[in-house]
């Protein structure tokens, strides 16, 4: 039992380390007068339209993606549980 708890703690630490690394990774894409900067953890860092930052659009898209991630996670947990692999 203790070995499983220890292993779970190691996995959580590794996950946290990877998450921090992803937050430091950036990709920028531009088309015409629209530019978007996205972090490696799939969070939109910046949206520029005509050189001006659109924080409302950024917040809206990040919120929608967060909701999708939660739904996907819930669905995956259900499917893992059906396979006897639930966490």
C-alpha atoms as a PDB file:
ATOM      1  CA  UNK A   1       0.000   0.000   0.000  1.00  0.00           C
ATOM      2  CA  UNK A   2       2.772   2.428   0.939  1.00  0.00           C
ATOM      3  CA  UNK A   3       4.541   1.748  -2.366  1.00  0.00           C
ATOM      4  CA  UNK A   4       1.409   2.755  -4.296  1.00  0.00           C
ATOM      5  CA  UNK A   5       1.103   6.016  -2.354  1.00  0.00           C
ATOM      6  CA  UNK A   6       4.782   6.737  -2.920  1.00  0.00           C
ATOM      7  CA  UNK A   7       4.430   6.032  -6.647  1.00  0.00           C
ATOM      8  CA  UNK A   8       1.344   8.275  -6.856  1.00  0.00           C
ATOM      9  CA  UNK A   9       3.254  11.125  -5.172  1.00  0.00           C
ATOM     10  CA  UNK A  10       6.120  10.685  -7.649  1.00  0.00           C
ATOM     11  CA  UNK A  11       3.662  10.827 -10.545  1.00  0.00           C
ATOM     12  CA  UNK A  12       2.081  14.015  -9.173  1.00  0.00           C
ATOM     13  CA  UNK A  13       5.502  15.661  -8.840  1.00  0.00           C
ATOM     14  CA  UNK A  14       6.428  14.676 -12.387  1.00  0.00           C
ATOM     15  CA  UNK A  15       3.100  15.976 -13.683  1.00  0.00           C
ATOM     16  CA  UNK A  16       3.626  19.291 -11.900  1.00  0.00           C
ATOM     17  CA  UNK A  17       7.138  19.626 -13.361  1.00  0.00           C
ATOM     18  CA  UNK A  18       5.885  18.909 -16.884  1.00  0.00           C
ATOM     19  CA  UNK A  19       3.010  21.385 -16.443  1.00  0.00           C
ATOM     20  CA  UNK A  20       5.455  24.149 -15.463  1.00  0.00           C
ATOM     21  CA  UNK A  21       7.593  23.376 -18.516  1.00  0.00           C
ATOM     22  CA  UNK A  22       4.542  23.544 -20.806  1.00  0.00           C
ATOM     23  CA  UNK A  23       3.563  26.929 -19.374  1.00  0.00           C
ATOM     24  CA  UNK A  24       6.932  28.302 -20.554  1.00  0.00           C
ATOM     25  CA  UNK A  25       6.531  27.062 -24.136  1.00  0.00           C
ATOM     26  CA  UNK A  26       4.988  29.598 -26.548  1.00  0.00           C
ATOM     27  CA  UNK A  27       3.804  29.445 -30.140  1.00  0.00           C
ATOM     28  CA  UNK A  28       2.809  32.514 -32.132  1.00  0.00           C
ATOM     29  CA  UNK A  29       0.757  32.446 -35.320  1.00  0.00           C
ATOM     30  CA  UNK A  30      -0.177  35.395 -37.503  1.00  0.00           C
ATOM     31  CA  UNK A  31      -2.581  35.831 -40.397  1.00  0.00           C
ATOM     32  CA  UNK A  32      -3.153  39.289 -41.812  1.00  0.00           C
ATOM     33  CA  UNK A  33      -3.667  41.696 -38.925  1.00  0.00           C
ATOM     34  CA  UNK A  34      -4.568  38.935 -36.440  1.00  0.00           C
ATOM     35  CA  UNK A  35      -1.963  37.334 -34.180  1.00  0.00           C
ATOM     36  CA  UNK A  36      -2.403  34.747 -31.457  1.00  0.00           C
ATOM     37  CA  UNK A  37       0.113  33.534 -28.875  1.00  0.00           C
ATOM     38  CA  UNK A  38      -0.619  30.191 -27.215  1.00  0.00           C
ATOM     39  CA  UNK A  39       1.275  28.490 -24.388  1.00  0.00           C
ATOM     40  CA  UNK A  40       2.227  24.827 -24.429  1.00  0.00           C
ATOM     41  CA  UNK A  41      -0.510  24.063 -21.900  1.00  0.00           C
ATOM     42  CA  UNK A  42      -3.049  25.243 -24.535  1.00  0.00           C
ATOM     43  CA  UNK A  43      -3.858  28.519 -22.788  1.00  0.00           C
ATOM     44  CA  UNK A  44      -4.183  31.554 -25.030  1.00  0.00           C
ATOM     45  CA  UNK A  45      -1.679  34.111 -23.817  1.00  0.00           C
ATOM     46  CA  UNK A  46      -2.523  36.929 -26.189  1.00  0.00           C
ATOM     47  CA  UNK A  47      -4.808  37.783 -29.108  1.00  0.00           C
ATOM     48  CA  UNK A  48      -3.924  40.828 -31.156  1.00  0.00           C
ATOM     49  CA  UNK A  49      -6.314  42.201 -33.758  1.00  0.00           C
ATOM     50  CA  UNK A  50      -5.033  45.176 -35.712  1.00  0.00           C
ATOM     51  CA  UNK A  51      -2.197  45.522 -33.192  1.00  0.00           C
ATOM     52  CA  UNK A  52      -4.573  45.817 -30.224  1.00  0.00           C
ATOM     53  CA  UNK A  53      -4.915  43.139 -27.569  1.00  0.00           C
ATOM     54  CA  UNK A  54      -8.396  41.625 -27.220  1.00  0.00           C
ATOM     55  CA  UNK A  55      -8.541  40.407 -23.604  1.00  0.00           C
ATOM     56  CA  UNK A  56     -12.281  39.656 -23.699  1.00  0.00           C
ATOM     57  CA  UNK A  57     -11.887  37.226 -26.609  1.00  0.00           C
ATOM     58  CA  UNK A  58      -8.861  35.644 -24.931  1.00  0.00           C
ATOM     59  CA  UNK A  59     -10.808  35.106 -21.699  1.00  0.00           C
ATOM     60  CA  UNK A  60     -13.812  33.707 -23.554  1.00  0.00           C
ATOM     61  CA  UNK A  61     -11.735  31.197 -25.517  1.00  0.00           C
ATOM     62  CA  UNK A  62      -9.710  30.125 -22.456  1.00  0.00           C
ATOM     63  CA  UNK A  63     -12.928  29.612 -20.506  1.00  0.00           C
ATOM     64  CA  UNK A  64     -14.456  27.506 -23.288  1.00  0.00           C
ATOM     65  CA  UNK A  65     -11.314  25.384 -23.598  1.00  0.00           C
ATOM     66  CA  UNK A  66     -11.269  24.823 -19.838  1.00  0.00           C
ATOM     67  CA  UNK A  67     -14.859  23.549 -19.978  1.00  0.00           C
ATOM     68  CA  UNK A  68     -14.005  21.214 -22.860  1.00  0.00           C
ATOM     69  CA  UNK A  69     -10.984  19.880 -20.943  1.00  0.00           C
ATOM     70  CA  UNK A  70     -13.193  19.119 -17.923  1.00  0.00           C
ATOM     71  CA  UNK A  71     -15.743  17.283 -20.071  1.00  0.00           C
ATOM     72  CA  UNK A  72     -13.022  15.275 -21.801  1.00  0.00           C
ATOM     73  CA  UNK A  73     -11.432  14.400 -18.451  1.00  0.00           C
ATOM     74  CA  UNK A  74     -14.770  13.259 -17.030  1.00  0.00           C
ATOM     75  CA  UNK A  75     -15.475  11.131 -20.104  1.00  0.00           C
ATOM     76  CA  UNK A  76     -12.005   9.566 -20.011  1.00  0.00           C
ATOM     77  CA  UNK A  77     -12.353   8.760 -16.297  1.00  0.00           C
ATOM     78  CA  UNK A  78     -15.674   7.067 -17.014  1.00  0.00           C
ATOM     79  CA  UNK A  79     -14.177   4.990 -19.795  1.00  0.00           C
ATOM     80  CA  UNK A  80     -11.168   4.044 -17.657  1.00  0.00           C
ATOM     81  CA  UNK A  81     -13.520   3.003 -14.863  1.00  0.00           C
ATOM     82  CA  UNK A  82     -15.471   0.833 -17.321  1.00  0.00           C
ATOM     83  CA  UNK A  83     -12.179  -0.900 -18.116  1.00  0.00           C
ATOM     84  CA  UNK A  84     -11.392  -1.362 -14.426  1.00  0.00           C
ATOM     85  CA  UNK A  85      -8.617   1.244 -14.570  1.00  0.00           C
ATOM     86  CA  UNK A  86     -10.350   4.085 -12.729  1.00  0.00           C
ATOM     87  CA  UNK A  87      -8.320   6.401 -10.530  1.00  0.00           C
END
